[in-house]
Amino acid sequence: MEPLNLQHLLTRFSDHWSQRTIGTLNDYDIKLAKLLGEFVWHSHPDTDELFLVIYGTLNIQLRDRDVILKTGEVFVVPRGVEHCPKADQEVGVMLLEPKGVVNTGDSNREDLKNAPKAMEGL
């Protein structure tokens, strides 16, 4: 495997809320995504979820507070904690989640569920 430039990889796609798998770490997928607007309130009952902001500002809304992440900052949403990512302007993020985790967690929003796509050309 060769080193990967996350900022460059984020230039290779434009759709929002559609994750791209760029690698694996044991039983975890390393994914990139571009976010814009507000997602859906959801939780992941069986796993934590790591967000690392590559560029932009991400608001991870929790029921009791908002967590504002800027470029280079990371936050782990603990398993079972309801959250709703929101980006007023486009944000590039890296996510670390166990293989098979659905992006909408326990939400019933079928229209937003996207299986991660493999990043081509890696």
PDB file of N, CA and C in Angstrom:
ATOM      1  N   MET A   1       0.844  -1.186   0.000  1.00  0.00           N
ATOM      2  CA  MET A   1       0.000   0.000   0.000  1.00  0.00           C
ATOM      3  C   MET A   1       0.883   1.240   0.000  1.00  0.00           C
ATOM      4  N   GLU A   2       0.436   2.242  -0.716  1.00  0.00           N
ATOM      5  CA  GLU A   2       1.161   3.509  -0.796  1.00  0.00           C
ATOM      6  C   GLU A   2       0.485   4.551   0.109  1.00  0.00           C
ATOM      7  N   PRO A   3       1.206   5.604   0.478  1.00  0.00           N
ATOM      8  CA  PRO A   3       0.571   6.676   1.262  1.00  0.00           C
ATOM      9  C   PRO A   3      -0.596   7.291   0.479  1.00  0.00           C
ATOM     10  N   LEU A   4      -1.614   7.701   1.192  1.00  0.00           N
ATOM     11  CA  LEU A   4      -2.790   8.324   0.579  1.00  0.00           C
ATOM     12  C   LEU A   4      -2.913   9.760   1.062  1.00  0.00           C
ATOM     13  N   ASN A   5      -3.184  10.670   0.134  1.00  0.00           N
ATOM     14  CA  ASN A   5      -3.421  12.065   0.479  1.00  0.00           C
ATOM     15  C   ASN A   5      -4.931  12.279   0.562  1.00  0.00           C
ATOM     16  N   LEU A   6      -5.416  12.475   1.773  1.00  0.00           N
ATOM     17  CA  LEU A   6      -6.864  12.558   1.990  1.00  0.00           C
ATOM     18  C   LEU A   6      -7.487  13.741   1.264  1.00  0.00           C
ATOM     19  N   GLN A   7      -6.824  14.882   1.264  1.00  0.00           N
ATOM     20  CA  GLN A   7      -7.373  16.047   0.570  1.00  0.00           C
ATOM     21  C   GLN A   7      -7.496  15.782  -0.924  1.00  0.00           C
ATOM     22  N   HIS A   8      -6.497  15.140  -1.510  1.00  0.00           N
ATOM     23  CA  HIS A   8      -6.563  14.817  -2.939  1.00  0.00           C
ATOM     24  C   HIS A   8      -7.693  13.828  -3.217  1.00  0.00           C
ATOM     25  N   LEU A   9      -7.823  12.800  -2.404  1.00  0.00           N
ATOM     26  CA  LEU A   9      -8.879  11.808  -2.619  1.00  0.00           C
ATOM     27  C   LEU A   9     -10.269  12.446  -2.554  1.00  0.00           C
ATOM     28  N   LEU A  10     -10.420  13.442  -1.706  1.00  0.00           N
ATOM     29  CA  LEU A  10     -11.720  14.121  -1.600  1.00  0.00           C
ATOM     30  C   LEU A  10     -12.063  14.923  -2.847  1.00  0.00           C
ATOM     31  N   THR A  11     -11.075  15.231  -3.683  1.00  0.00           N
ATOM     32  CA  THR A  11     -11.355  15.958  -4.935  1.00  0.00           C
ATOM     33  C   THR A  11     -11.873  15.020  -6.020  1.00  0.00           C
ATOM     34  N   ARG A  12     -11.810  13.718  -5.788  1.00  0.00           N
ATOM     35  CA  ARG A  12     -12.159  12.739  -6.823  1.00  0.00           C
ATOM     36  C   ARG A  12     -13.644  12.374  -6.865  1.00  0.00           C
ATOM     37  N   PHE A  13     -14.451  12.947  -5.977  1.00  0.00           N
ATOM     38  CA  PHE A  13     -15.894  12.741  -6.038  1.00  0.00           C
ATOM     39  C   PHE A  13     -16.582  13.994  -5.525  1.00  0.00           C
ATOM     40  N   SER A  14     -17.861  14.151  -5.868  1.00  0.00           N
ATOM     41  CA  SER A  14     -18.548  15.395  -5.504  1.00  0.00           C
ATOM     42  C   SER A  14     -19.848  15.186  -4.736  1.00  0.00           C
ATOM     43  N   ASP A  15     -20.375  13.970  -4.720  1.00  0.00           N
ATOM     44  CA  ASP A  15     -21.671  13.774  -4.057  1.00  0.00           C
ATOM     45  C   ASP A  15     -21.527  13.822  -2.537  1.00  0.00           C
ATOM     46  N   HIS A  16     -22.576  14.339  -1.901  1.00  0.00           N
ATOM     47  CA  HIS A  16     -22.583  14.514  -0.454  1.00  0.00           C
ATOM     48  C   HIS A  16     -23.261  13.324   0.229  1.00  0.00           C
ATOM     49  N   TRP A  17     -22.788  13.022   1.435  1.00  0.00           N
ATOM     50  CA  TRP A  17     -23.347  11.954   2.276  1.00  0.00           C
ATOM     51  C   TRP A  17     -23.167  10.578   1.655  1.00  0.00           C
ATOM     52  N   SER A  18     -22.236  10.438   0.741  1.00  0.00           N
ATOM     53  CA  SER A  18     -21.948   9.163   0.087  1.00  0.00           C
ATOM     54  C   SER A  18     -20.509   8.782   0.422  1.00  0.00           C
ATOM     55  N   GLN A  19     -20.354   7.800   1.280  1.00  0.00           N
ATOM     56  CA  GLN A  19     -19.037   7.433   1.785  1.00  0.00           C
ATOM     57  C   GLN A  19     -18.233   6.631   0.762  1.00  0.00           C
ATOM     58  N   ARG A  20     -16.905   6.854   0.791  1.00  0.00           N
ATOM     59  CA  ARG A  20     -15.977   6.112  -0.055  1.00  0.00           C
ATOM     60  C   ARG A  20     -14.991   5.381   0.855  1.00  0.00           C
ATOM     61  N   THR A  21     -14.900   4.084   0.705  1.00  0.00           N
ATOM     62  CA  THR A  21     -13.949   3.299   1.493  1.00  0.00           C
ATOM     63  C   THR A  21     -12.572   3.400   0.856  1.00  0.00           C
ATOM     64  N   ILE A  22     -11.582   3.818   1.658  1.00  0.00           N
ATOM     65  CA  ILE A  22     -10.224   3.977   1.137  1.00  0.00           C
ATOM     66  C   ILE A  22      -9.258   2.952   1.715  1.00  0.00           C
ATOM     67  N   GLY A  23      -9.714   2.171   2.677  1.00  0.00           N
ATOM     68  CA  GLY A  23      -8.847   1.154   3.262  1.00  0.00           C
ATOM     69  C   GLY A  23      -9.540   0.468   4.418  1.00  0.00           C
ATOM     70  N   THR A  24      -8.826  -0.487   4.990  1.00  0.00           N
ATOM     71  CA  THR A  24      -9.337  -1.196   6.164  1.00  0.00           C
ATOM     72  C   THR A  24      -8.256  -1.245   7.226  1.00  0.00           C
ATOM     73  N   LEU A  25      -8.694  -1.326   8.455  1.00  0.00           N
ATOM     74  CA  LEU A  25      -7.805  -1.478   9.600  1.00  0.00           C
ATOM     75  C   LEU A  25      -8.421  -2.569  10.458  1.00  0.00           C
ATOM     76  N   ASN A  26      -7.860  -3.762  10.373  1.00  0.00           N
ATOM     77  CA  ASN A  26      -8.452  -4.931  11.020  1.00  0.00           C
ATOM     78  C   ASN A  26      -9.889  -5.085  10.531  1.00  0.00           C
ATOM     79  N   ASP A  27     -10.869  -5.001  11.393  1.00  0.00           N
ATOM     80  CA  ASP A  27     -12.269  -5.162  10.980  1.00  0.00           C
ATOM     81  C   ASP A  27     -12.974  -3.814  10.804  1.00  0.00           C
ATOM     82  N   TYR A  28     -12.216  -2.754  10.595  1.00  0.00           N
ATOM     83  CA  TYR A  28     -12.781  -1.414  10.443  1.00  0.00           C
ATOM     84  C   TYR A  28     -12.575  -0.899   9.031  1.00  0.00           C
ATOM     85  N   ASP A  29     -13.556  -0.161   8.537  1.00  0.00           N
ATOM     86  CA  ASP A  29     -13.430   0.544   7.267  1.00  0.00           C
ATOM     87  C   ASP A  29     -12.956   1.962   7.536  1.00  0.00           C
ATOM     88  N   ILE A  30     -12.026   2.411   6.706  1.00  0.00           N
ATOM     89  CA  ILE A  30     -11.588   3.813   6.718  1.00  0.00           C
ATOM     90  C   ILE A  30     -12.286   4.453   5.531  1.00  0.00           C
ATOM     91  N   LYS A  31     -13.127   5.458   5.816  1.00  0.00           N
ATOM     92  CA  LYS A  31     -13.980   6.027   4.775  1.00  0.00           C
ATOM     93  C   LYS A  31     -13.818   7.541   4.702  1.00  0.00           C
ATOM     94  N   LEU A  32     -14.028   8.071   3.500  1.00  0.00           N
ATOM     95  CA  LEU A  32     -14.085   9.509   3.280  1.00  0.00           C
ATOM     96  C   LEU A  32     -15.494   9.872   2.864  1.00  0.00           C
ATOM     97  N   ALA A  33     -15.900  11.090   3.190  1.00  0.00           N
ATOM     98  CA  ALA A  33     -17.207  11.585   2.756  1.00  0.00           C
ATOM     99  C   ALA A  33     -17.161  13.101   2.699  1.00  0.00           C
ATOM    100  N   LYS A  34     -18.013  13.631   1.841  1.00  0.00           N
ATOM    101  CA  LYS A  34     -18.269  15.069   1.795  1.00  0.00           C
ATOM    102  C   LYS A  34     -19.666  15.279   2.370  1.00  0.00           C
ATOM    103  N   LEU A  35     -19.786  16.240   3.260  1.00  0.00           N
ATOM    104  CA  LEU A  35     -21.051  16.497   3.928  1.00  0.00           C
ATOM    105  C   LEU A  35     -21.496  17.924   3.649  1.00  0.00           C
ATOM    106  N   LEU A  36     -22.792  18.094   3.450  1.00  0.00           N
ATOM    107  CA  LEU A  36     -23.367  19.418   3.256  1.00  0.00           C
ATOM    108  C   LEU A  36     -24.830  19.363   3.650  1.00  0.00           C
ATOM    109  N   GLY A  37     -25.237  20.291   4.518  1.00  0.00           N
ATOM    110  CA  GLY A  37     -26.603  20.304   5.017  1.00  0.00           C
ATOM    111  C   GLY A  37     -26.708  19.492   6.297  1.00  0.00           C
ATOM    112  N   GLU A  38     -27.934  19.123   6.619  1.00  0.00           N
ATOM    113  CA  GLU A  38     -28.183  18.358   7.841  1.00  0.00           C
ATOM    114  C   GLU A  38     -28.541  16.926   7.480  1.00  0.00           C
ATOM    115  N   PHE A  39     -27.977  15.973   8.202  1.00  0.00           N
ATOM    116  CA  PHE A  39     -28.262  14.563   7.950  1.00  0.00           C
ATOM    117  C   PHE A  39     -29.525  14.185   8.715  1.00  0.00           C
ATOM    118  N   VAL A  40     -29.561  13.057   9.338  1.00  0.00           N
ATOM    119  CA  VAL A  40     -30.722  12.573  10.069  1.00  0.00           C
ATOM    120  C   VAL A  40     -30.259  12.194  11.481  1.00  0.00           C
ATOM    121  N   TRP A  41     -31.133  12.426  12.454  1.00  0.00           N
ATOM    122  CA  TRP A  41     -30.824  11.991  13.817  1.00  0.00           C
ATOM    123  C   TRP A  41     -30.783  10.472  13.831  1.00  0.00           C
ATOM    124  N   HIS A  42     -29.715   9.929  14.410  1.00  0.00           N
ATOM    125  CA  HIS A  42     -29.562   8.484  14.480  1.00  0.00           C
ATOM    126  C   HIS A  42     -28.527   8.119  15.539  1.00  0.00           C
ATOM    127  N   SER A  43     -28.446   6.847  15.840  1.00  0.00           N
ATOM    128  CA  SER A  43     -27.388   6.335  16.711  1.00  0.00           C
ATOM    129  C   SER A  43     -26.916   5.005  16.147  1.00  0.00           C
ATOM    130  N   HIS A  44     -25.795   4.565  16.649  1.00  0.00           N
ATOM    131  CA  HIS A  44     -25.247   3.259  16.292  1.00  0.00           C
ATOM    132  C   HIS A  44     -25.181   2.457  17.594  1.00  0.00           C
ATOM    133  N   PRO A  45     -26.168   1.592  17.832  1.00  0.00           N
ATOM    134  CA  PRO A  45     -26.268   0.893  19.118  1.00  0.00           C
ATOM    135  C   PRO A  45     -25.073   0.002  19.456  1.00  0.00           C
ATOM    136  N   ASP A  46     -24.340  -0.452  18.431  1.00  0.00           N
ATOM    137  CA  ASP A  46     -23.289  -1.435  18.682  1.00  0.00           C
ATOM    138  C   ASP A  46     -21.874  -0.929  18.485  1.00  0.00           C
ATOM    139  N   THR A  47     -21.709   0.356  18.131  1.00  0.00           N
ATOM    140  CA  THR A  47     -20.351   0.822  17.852  1.00  0.00           C
ATOM    141  C   THR A  47     -20.206   2.329  18.041  1.00  0.00           C
ATOM    142  N   ASP A  48     -18.989   2.747  18.332  1.00  0.00           N
ATOM    143  CA  ASP A  48     -18.631   4.156  18.330  1.00  0.00           C
ATOM    144  C   ASP A  48     -18.449   4.585  16.875  1.00  0.00           C
ATOM    145  N   GLU A  49     -18.399   5.909  16.644  1.00  0.00           N
ATOM    146  CA  GLU A  49     -18.170   6.440  15.302  1.00  0.00           C
ATOM    147  C   GLU A  49     -17.173   7.589  15.393  1.00  0.00           C
ATOM    148  N   LEU A  50     -16.085   7.481  14.637  1.00  0.00           N
ATOM    149  CA  LEU A  50     -15.039   8.494  14.660  1.00  0.00           C
ATOM    150  C   LEU A  50     -15.172   9.417  13.455  1.00  0.00           C
ATOM    151  N   PHE A  51     -15.144  10.730  13.708  1.00  0.00           N
ATOM    152  CA  PHE A  51     -15.150  11.765  12.672  1.00  0.00           C
ATOM    153  C   PHE A  51     -13.839  12.535  12.765  1.00  0.00           C
ATOM    154  N   LEU A  52     -13.101  12.636  11.658  1.00  0.00           N
ATOM    155  CA  LEU A  52     -11.909  13.475  11.555  1.00  0.00           C
ATOM    156  C   LEU A  52     -12.160  14.459  10.425  1.00  0.00           C
ATOM    157  N   VAL A  53     -12.137  15.752  10.733  1.00  0.00           N
ATOM    158  CA  VAL A  53     -12.415  16.772   9.722  1.00  0.00           C
ATOM    159  C   VAL A  53     -11.132  17.058   8.934  1.00  0.00           C
ATOM    160  N   ILE A  54     -11.217  16.856   7.618  1.00  0.00           N
ATOM    161  CA  ILE A  54     -10.087  17.119   6.720  1.00  0.00           C
ATOM    162  C   ILE A  54     -10.104  18.580   6.282  1.00  0.00           C
ATOM    163  N   TYR A  55     -11.293  19.099   5.988  1.00  0.00           N
ATOM    164  CA  TYR A  55     -11.448  20.533   5.705  1.00  0.00           C
ATOM    165  C   TYR A  55     -12.865  20.948   6.086  1.00  0.00           C
ATOM    166  N   GLY A  56     -13.009  22.224   6.426  1.00  0.00           N
ATOM    167  CA  GLY A  56     -14.322  22.767   6.762  1.00  0.00           C
ATOM    168  C   GLY A  56     -14.622  22.689   8.250  1.00  0.00           C
ATOM    169  N   THR A  57     -15.890  22.947   8.570  1.00  0.00           N
ATOM    170  CA  THR A  57     -16.374  22.927   9.949  1.00  0.00           C
ATOM    171  C   THR A  57     -17.607  22.041  10.023  1.00  0.00           C
ATOM    172  N   LEU A  58     -17.593  21.095  10.941  1.00  0.00           N
ATOM    173  CA  LEU A  58     -18.692  20.148  11.115  1.00  0.00           C
ATOM    174  C   LEU A  58     -19.316  20.340  12.480  1.00  0.00           C
ATOM    175  N   ASN A  59     -20.634  20.420  12.508  1.00  0.00           N
ATOM    176  CA  ASN A  59     -21.377  20.476  13.759  1.00  0.00           C
ATOM    177  C   ASN A  59     -21.992  19.101  13.980  1.00  0.00           C
ATOM    178  N   ILE A  60     -21.537  18.401  15.000  1.00  0.00           N
ATOM    179  CA  ILE A  60     -22.165  17.138  15.371  1.00  0.00           C
ATOM    180  C   ILE A  60     -23.140  17.465  16.489  1.00  0.00           C
ATOM    181  N   GLN A  61     -24.420  17.483  16.132  1.00  0.00           N
ATOM    182  CA  GLN A  61     -25.459  17.801  17.098  1.00  0.00           C
ATOM    183  C   GLN A  61     -25.718  16.581  17.979  1.00  0.00           C
ATOM    184  N   LEU A  62     -25.654  16.788  19.270  1.00  0.00           N
ATOM    185  CA  LEU A  62     -26.034  15.780  20.245  1.00  0.00           C
ATOM    186  C   LEU A  62     -27.289  16.301  20.935  1.00  0.00           C
ATOM    187  N   ARG A  63     -28.015  15.475  21.612  1.00  0.00           N
ATOM    188  CA  ARG A  63     -29.261  15.929  22.255  1.00  0.00           C
ATOM    189  C   ARG A  63     -29.005  16.958  23.353  1.00  0.00           C
ATOM    190  N   ASP A  64     -27.818  16.919  23.980  1.00  0.00           N
ATOM    191  CA  ASP A  64     -27.554  17.848  25.082  1.00  0.00           C
ATOM    192  C   ASP A  64     -26.563  18.956  24.752  1.00  0.00           C
ATOM    193  N   ARG A  65     -25.959  18.906  23.549  1.00  0.00           N
ATOM    194  CA  ARG A  65     -24.980  19.932  23.169  1.00  0.00           C
ATOM    195  C   ARG A  65     -24.588  19.743  21.717  1.00  0.00           C
ATOM    196  N   ASP A  66     -23.897  20.742  21.186  1.00  0.00           N
ATOM    197  CA  ASP A  66     -23.317  20.657  19.853  1.00  0.00           C
ATOM    198  C   ASP A  66     -21.804  20.539  19.994  1.00  0.00           C
ATOM    199  N   VAL A  67     -21.198  19.693  19.164  1.00  0.00           N
ATOM    200  CA  VAL A  67     -19.745  19.564  19.115  1.00  0.00           C
ATOM    201  C   VAL A  67     -19.307  20.135  17.774  1.00  0.00           C
ATOM    202  N   ILE A  68     -18.540  21.210  17.819  1.00  0.00           N
ATOM    203  CA  ILE A  68     -18.066  21.882  16.606  1.00  0.00           C
ATOM    204  C   ILE A  68     -16.640  21.423  16.334  1.00  0.00           C
ATOM    205  N   LEU A  69     -16.458  20.811  15.160  1.00  0.00           N
ATOM    206  CA  LEU A  69     -15.136  20.331  14.754  1.00  0.00           C
ATOM    207  C   LEU A  69     -14.633  21.165  13.589  1.00  0.00           C
ATOM    208  N   LYS A  70     -13.393  21.609  13.688  1.00  0.00           N
ATOM    209  CA  LYS A  70     -12.747  22.360  12.606  1.00  0.00           C
ATOM    210  C   LYS A  70     -11.671  21.483  11.978  1.00  0.00           C
ATOM    211  N   THR A  71     -11.094  21.961  10.901  1.00  0.00           N
ATOM    212  CA  THR A  71     -10.056  21.225  10.186  1.00  0.00           C
ATOM    213  C   THR A  71      -9.014  20.661  11.146  1.00  0.00           C
ATOM    214  N   GLY A  72      -8.753  19.358  11.006  1.00  0.00           N
ATOM    215  CA  GLY A  72      -7.740  18.696  11.824  1.00  0.00           C
ATOM    216  C   GLY A  72      -8.243  18.172  13.149  1.00  0.00           C
ATOM    217  N   GLU A  73      -9.513  18.415  13.473  1.00  0.00           N
ATOM    218  CA  GLU A  73     -10.039  17.964  14.759  1.00  0.00           C
ATOM    219  C   GLU A  73     -10.810  16.659  14.606  1.00  0.00           C
ATOM    220  N   VAL A  74     -10.829  15.895  15.683  1.00  0.00           N
ATOM    221  CA  VAL A  74     -11.445  14.576  15.681  1.00  0.00           C
ATOM    222  C   VAL A  74     -12.393  14.457  16.876  1.00  0.00           C
ATOM    223  N   PHE A  75     -13.455  13.679  16.692  1.00  0.00           N
ATOM    224  CA  PHE A  75     -14.417  13.429  17.769  1.00  0.00           C
ATOM    225  C   PHE A  75     -14.972  12.029  17.602  1.00  0.00           C
ATOM    226  N   VAL A  76     -15.129  11.333  18.709  1.00  0.00           N
ATOM    227  CA  VAL A  76     -15.730  10.004  18.701  1.00  0.00           C
ATOM    228  C   VAL A  76     -17.108  10.094  19.333  1.00  0.00           C
ATOM    229  N   VAL A  77     -18.130   9.742  18.557  1.00  0.00           N
ATOM    230  CA  VAL A  77     -19.495   9.646  19.086  1.00  0.00           C
ATOM    231  C   VAL A  77     -19.603   8.265  19.731  1.00  0.00           C
ATOM    232  N   PRO A  78     -19.844   8.216  21.036  1.00  0.00           N
ATOM    233  CA  PRO A  78     -19.925   6.910  21.696  1.00  0.00           C
ATOM    234  C   PRO A  78     -21.116   6.082  21.210  1.00  0.00           C
ATOM    235  N   ARG A  79     -20.963   4.786  21.249  1.00  0.00           N
ATOM    236  CA  ARG A  79     -22.037   3.883  20.838  1.00  0.00           C
ATOM    237  C   ARG A  79     -23.326   4.236  21.565  1.00  0.00           C
ATOM    238  N   GLY A  80     -24.406   4.181  20.806  1.00  0.00           N
ATOM    239  CA  GLY A  80     -25.722   4.432  21.388  1.00  0.00           C
ATOM    240  C   GLY A  80     -26.102   5.885  21.560  1.00  0.00           C
ATOM    241  N   VAL A  81     -25.194   6.816  21.300  1.00  0.00           N
ATOM    242  CA  VAL A  81     -25.489   8.239  21.481  1.00  0.00           C
ATOM    243  C   VAL A  81     -26.132   8.782  20.204  1.00  0.00           C
ATOM    244  N   GLU A  82     -27.326   9.349  20.353  1.00  0.00           N
ATOM    245  CA  GLU A  82     -28.022   9.922  19.213  1.00  0.00           C
ATOM    246  C   GLU A  82     -27.305  11.188  18.766  1.00  0.00           C
ATOM    247  N   HIS A  83     -27.116  11.310  17.443  1.00  0.00           N
ATOM    248  CA  HIS A  83     -26.396  12.459  16.896  1.00  0.00           C
ATOM    249  C   HIS A  83     -26.910  12.765  15.501  1.00  0.00           C
ATOM    250  N   CYS A  84     -26.607  13.996  15.063  1.00  0.00           N
ATOM    251  CA  CYS A  84     -27.022  14.441  13.734  1.00  0.00           C
ATOM    252  C   CYS A  84     -25.936  15.361  13.175  1.00  0.00           C
ATOM    253  N   PRO A  85     -25.124  14.868  12.233  1.00  0.00           N
ATOM    254  CA  PRO A  85     -24.112  15.728  11.630  1.00  0.00           C
ATOM    255  C   PRO A  85     -24.756  16.824  10.791  1.00  0.00           C
ATOM    256  N   LYS A  86     -24.147  18.009  10.845  1.00  0.00           N
ATOM    257  CA  LYS A  86     -24.674  19.156  10.101  1.00  0.00           C
ATOM    258  C   LYS A  86     -23.497  19.987   9.606  1.00  0.00           C
ATOM    259  N   ALA A  87     -23.580  20.399   8.334  1.00  0.00           N
ATOM    260  CA  ALA A  87     -22.523  21.228   7.745  1.00  0.00           C
ATOM    261  C   ALA A  87     -23.171  22.362   6.966  1.00  0.00           C
ATOM    262  N   ASP A  88     -22.948  23.598   7.399  1.00  0.00           N
ATOM    263  CA  ASP A  88     -23.512  24.752   6.696  1.00  0.00           C
ATOM    264  C   ASP A  88     -22.792  25.002   5.372  1.00  0.00           C
ATOM    265  N   GLN A  89     -21.528  24.610   5.300  1.00  0.00           N
ATOM    266  CA  GLN A  89     -20.747  24.636   4.064  1.00  0.00           C
ATOM    267  C   GLN A  89     -20.091  23.272   3.929  1.00  0.00           C
ATOM    268  N   GLU A  90     -19.685  22.912   2.719  1.00  0.00           N
ATOM    269  CA  GLU A  90     -19.142  21.577   2.504  1.00  0.00           C
ATOM    270  C   GLU A  90     -17.979  21.271   3.443  1.00  0.00           C
ATOM    271  N   VAL A  91     -17.992  20.047   3.945  1.00  0.00           N
ATOM    272  CA  VAL A  91     -16.962  19.543   4.858  1.00  0.00           C
ATOM    273  C   VAL A  91     -16.452  18.211   4.307  1.00  0.00           C
ATOM    274  N   GLY A  92     -15.149  18.012   4.358  1.00  0.00           N
ATOM    275  CA  GLY A  92     -14.562  16.717   4.028  1.00  0.00           C
ATOM    276  C   GLY A  92     -14.164  16.013   5.303  1.00  0.00           C
ATOM    277  N   VAL A  93     -14.604  14.766   5.471  1.00  0.00           N
ATOM    278  CA  VAL A  93     -14.318  14.025   6.697  1.00  0.00           C
ATOM    279  C   VAL A  93     -13.778  12.638   6.393  1.00  0.00           C
ATOM    280  N   MET A  94     -13.051  12.114   7.368  1.00  0.00           N
ATOM    281  CA  MET A  94     -12.679  10.712   7.378  1.00  0.00           C
ATOM    282  C   MET A  94     -13.447  10.071   8.516  1.00  0.00           C
ATOM    283  N   LEU A  95     -13.988   8.882   8.256  1.00  0.00           N
ATOM    284  CA  LEU A  95     -14.750   8.134   9.252  1.00  0.00           C
ATOM    285  C   LEU A  95     -14.061   6.797   9.490  1.00  0.00           C
ATOM    286  N   LEU A  96     -14.134   6.333  10.709  1.00  0.00           N
ATOM    287  CA  LEU A  96     -13.605   5.018  11.055  1.00  0.00           C
ATOM    288  C   LEU A  96     -14.720   4.263  11.768  1.00  0.00           C
ATOM    289  N   GLU A  97     -15.183   3.181  11.116  1.00  0.00           N
ATOM    290  CA  GLU A  97     -16.303   2.406  11.648  1.00  0.00           C
ATOM    291  C   GLU A  97     -16.090   0.932  11.325  1.00  0.00           C
ATOM    292  N   PRO A  98     -16.663   0.035  12.132  1.00  0.00           N
ATOM    293  CA  PRO A  98     -16.570  -1.387  11.793  1.00  0.00           C
ATOM    294  C   PRO A  98     -17.200  -1.657  10.426  1.00  0.00           C
ATOM    295  N   LYS A  99     -16.658  -2.634   9.723  1.00  0.00           N
ATOM    296  CA  LYS A  99     -17.217  -3.023   8.429  1.00  0.00           C
ATOM    297  C   LYS A  99     -18.695  -3.337   8.585  1.00  0.00           C
ATOM    298  N   GLY A 100     -19.479  -2.883   7.607  1.00  0.00           N
ATOM    299  CA  GLY A 100     -20.901  -3.192   7.601  1.00  0.00           C
ATOM    300  C   GLY A 100     -21.789  -2.202   8.334  1.00  0.00           C
ATOM    301  N   VAL A 101     -21.213  -1.200   8.988  1.00  0.00           N
ATOM    302  CA  VAL A 101     -22.031  -0.203   9.689  1.00  0.00           C
ATOM    303  C   VAL A 101     -22.789   0.628   8.659  1.00  0.00           C
ATOM    304  N   VAL A 102     -24.084   0.798   8.878  1.00  0.00           N
ATOM    305  CA  VAL A 102     -24.933   1.581   7.979  1.00  0.00           C
ATOM    306  C   VAL A 102     -24.856   3.044   8.400  1.00  0.00           C
ATOM    307  N   ASN A 103     -24.716   3.942   7.413  1.00  0.00           N
ATOM    308  CA  ASN A 103     -24.518   5.366   7.716  1.00  0.00           C
ATOM    309  C   ASN A 103     -25.664   5.994   8.494  1.00  0.00           C
ATOM    310  N   THR A 104     -26.870   5.455   8.372  1.00  0.00           N
ATOM    311  CA  THR A 104     -28.026   6.027   9.072  1.00  0.00           C
ATOM    312  C   THR A 104     -28.305   5.350  10.410  1.00  0.00           C
ATOM    313  N   GLY A 105     -27.461   4.413  10.802  1.00  0.00           N
ATOM    314  CA  GLY A 105     -27.623   3.761  12.100  1.00  0.00           C
ATOM    315  C   GLY A 105     -29.006   3.178  12.281  1.00  0.00           C
ATOM    316  N   ASP A 106     -29.651   3.563  13.381  1.00  0.00           N
ATOM    317  CA  ASP A 106     -30.970   3.017  13.708  1.00  0.00           C
ATOM    318  C   ASP A 106     -32.119   3.839  13.130  1.00  0.00           C
ATOM    319  N   SER A 107     -31.828   4.815  12.286  1.00  0.00           N
ATOM    320  CA  SER A 107     -32.873   5.627  11.665  1.00  0.00           C
ATOM    321  C   SER A 107     -33.647   4.795  10.645  1.00  0.00           C
ATOM    322  N   ASN A 108     -34.888   5.149  10.429  1.00  0.00           N
ATOM    323  CA  ASN A 108     -35.726   4.471   9.446  1.00  0.00           C
ATOM    324  C   ASN A 108     -35.701   5.151   8.081  1.00  0.00           C
ATOM    325  N   ARG A 109     -34.804   6.093   7.865  1.00  0.00           N
ATOM    326  CA  ARG A 109     -34.754   6.849   6.615  1.00  0.00           C
ATOM    327  C   ARG A 109     -34.066   6.042   5.523  1.00  0.00           C
ATOM    328  N   GLU A 110     -34.823   5.206   4.852  1.00  0.00           N
ATOM    329  CA  GLU A 110     -34.294   4.361   3.784  1.00  0.00           C
ATOM    330  C   GLU A 110     -33.703   5.187   2.644  1.00  0.00           C
ATOM    331  N   ASP A 111     -34.260   6.382   2.405  1.00  0.00           N
ATOM    332  CA  ASP A 111     -33.794   7.208   1.296  1.00  0.00           C
ATOM    333  C   ASP A 111     -32.377   7.735   1.506  1.00  0.00           C
ATOM    334  N   LEU A 112     -31.879   7.689   2.740  1.00  0.00           N
ATOM    335  CA  LEU A 112     -30.539   8.194   3.018  1.00  0.00           C
ATOM    336  C   LEU A 112     -29.500   7.094   3.186  1.00  0.00           C
ATOM    337  N   LYS A 113     -29.948   5.849   3.269  1.00  0.00           N
ATOM    338  CA  LYS A 113     -28.995   4.756   3.483  1.00  0.00           C
ATOM    339  C   LYS A 113     -28.156   4.551   2.231  1.00  0.00           C
ATOM    340  N   ASN A 114     -26.847   4.583   2.439  1.00  0.00           N
ATOM    341  CA  ASN A 114     -25.908   4.357   1.345  1.00  0.00           C
ATOM    342  C   ASN A 114     -24.832   3.399   1.814  1.00  0.00           C
ATOM    343  N   ALA A 115     -24.658   2.317   1.094  1.00  0.00           N
ATOM    344  CA  ALA A 115     -23.513   1.453   1.371  1.00  0.00           C
ATOM    345  C   ALA A 115     -22.272   2.178   0.888  1.00  0.00           C
ATOM    346  N   PRO A 116     -21.190   2.128   1.661  1.00  0.00           N
ATOM    347  CA  PRO A 116     -19.970   2.792   1.203  1.00  0.00           C
ATOM    348  C   PRO A 116     -19.496   2.214  -0.120  1.00  0.00           C
ATOM    349  N   LYS A 117     -18.999   3.089  -0.984  1.00  0.00           N
ATOM    350  CA  LYS A 117     -18.448   2.669  -2.277  1.00  0.00           C
ATOM    351  C   LYS A 117     -16.933   2.587  -2.127  1.00  0.00           C
ATOM    352  N   ALA A 118     -16.339   1.636  -2.808  1.00  0.00           N
ATOM    353  CA  ALA A 118     -14.886   1.557  -2.804  1.00  0.00           C
ATOM    354  C   ALA A 118     -14.319   2.693  -3.644  1.00  0.00           C
ATOM    355  N   MET A 119     -13.295   3.342  -3.141  1.00  0.00           N
ATOM    356  CA  MET A 119     -12.619   4.386  -3.905  1.00  0.00           C
ATOM    357  C   MET A 119     -11.818   3.720  -5.011  1.00  0.00           C
ATOM    358  N   GLU A 120     -12.100   4.058  -6.231  1.00  0.00           N
ATOM    359  CA  GLU A 120     -11.426   3.432  -7.364  1.00  0.00           C
ATOM    360  C   GLU A 120     -10.018   3.981  -7.534  1.00  0.00           C
ATOM    361  N   GLY A 121      -9.158   3.144  -8.045  1.00  0.00           N
ATOM    362  CA  GLY A 121      -7.815   3.574  -8.387  1.00  0.00           C
ATOM    363  C   GLY A 121      -6.833   3.592  -7.235  1.00  0.00           C
ATOM    364  N   LEU A 122      -7.163   2.937  -6.136  1.00  0.00           N
ATOM    365  CA  LEU A 122      -6.213   2.913  -5.015  1.00  0.00           C
ATOM    366  C   LEU A 122      -5.354   1.661  -5.071  1.00  0.00           C
TER     367      LEU A 122
END
